[in-house]
Amino acid sequence: MPLAEMNKRFRECTSEEKSVIRAVKKLYNCGVYEEDRIFQLDQTEHMKLAL
């Protein structure tokens, strides 16, 4: 998907949806989430405590 389309869709999201997207980005950057993987509950709990 082109970056312009991604930006357009993000701007159209509600604040709640944007919060979820930002959280996924942070988890991805931390190495907890990798592309199409399912979130591991123990890893997300660990990151929640670290944040």
Protein backbone atom coordinates (compact mmCIF):
# COMPACT_ATOMS: atom_id res chain seq x y z
CA MET A 1 0.00 0.00 0.00
CA PRO A 2 1.44 3.42 -0.90
CA LEU A 3 2.49 5.69 1.96
CA ALA A 4 0.05 8.41 0.87
CA GLU A 5 -2.85 5.95 1.19
CA MET A 6 -1.64 4.87 4.64
CA ASN A 7 -1.47 8.53 5.75
CA LYS A 8 -4.97 9.18 4.40
CA ARG A 9 -6.42 6.19 6.23
CA PHE A 10 -4.65 7.11 9.46
CA ARG A 11 -6.04 10.66 9.34
CA GLU A 12 -9.54 9.20 8.94
CA CYS A 13 -9.22 7.01 12.05
CA THR A 14 -10.86 7.84 15.36
CA SER A 15 -8.64 8.78 18.29
CA GLU A 16 -9.16 5.30 19.77
CA GLU A 17 -8.07 3.62 16.54
CA LYS A 18 -5.02 5.87 16.34
CA SER A 19 -4.11 4.92 19.92
CA VAL A 20 -4.22 1.22 19.02
CA ILE A 21 -2.09 1.78 15.92
CA ARG A 22 0.46 3.76 17.93
CA ALA A 23 0.57 1.03 20.58
CA VAL A 24 1.18 -1.64 17.94
CA LYS A 25 3.97 0.51 16.49
CA LYS A 26 5.62 0.77 19.92
CA LEU A 27 5.31 -2.99 20.45
CA TYR A 28 6.80 -3.60 16.99
CA ASN A 29 9.72 -1.26 17.73
CA CYS A 30 10.34 -3.07 21.05
CA GLY A 31 10.39 -6.44 19.30
CA VAL A 32 7.22 -7.75 20.96
CA TYR A 33 5.16 -7.77 17.78
CA GLU A 34 6.46 -9.01 14.43
CA GLU A 35 4.27 -8.45 11.38
CA ASP A 36 1.48 -11.08 11.31
CA ARG A 37 2.25 -12.67 14.67
CA ILE A 38 -0.26 -13.03 17.46
CA PHE A 39 0.55 -10.99 20.57
CA GLN A 40 2.12 -13.04 23.34
CA LEU A 41 0.31 -12.09 26.57
CA ASP A 42 3.37 -12.56 28.79
CA GLN A 43 5.44 -10.26 26.57
CA THR A 44 2.79 -7.53 26.46
CA GLU A 45 2.39 -7.66 30.25
CA HIS A 46 6.16 -7.26 30.62
CA MET A 47 6.18 -4.25 28.28
CA LYS A 48 3.20 -2.67 30.07
CA LEU A 49 5.16 -2.75 33.31
CA ALA A 50 8.22 -1.26 31.58
CA LEU A 51 6.25 1.65 30.11
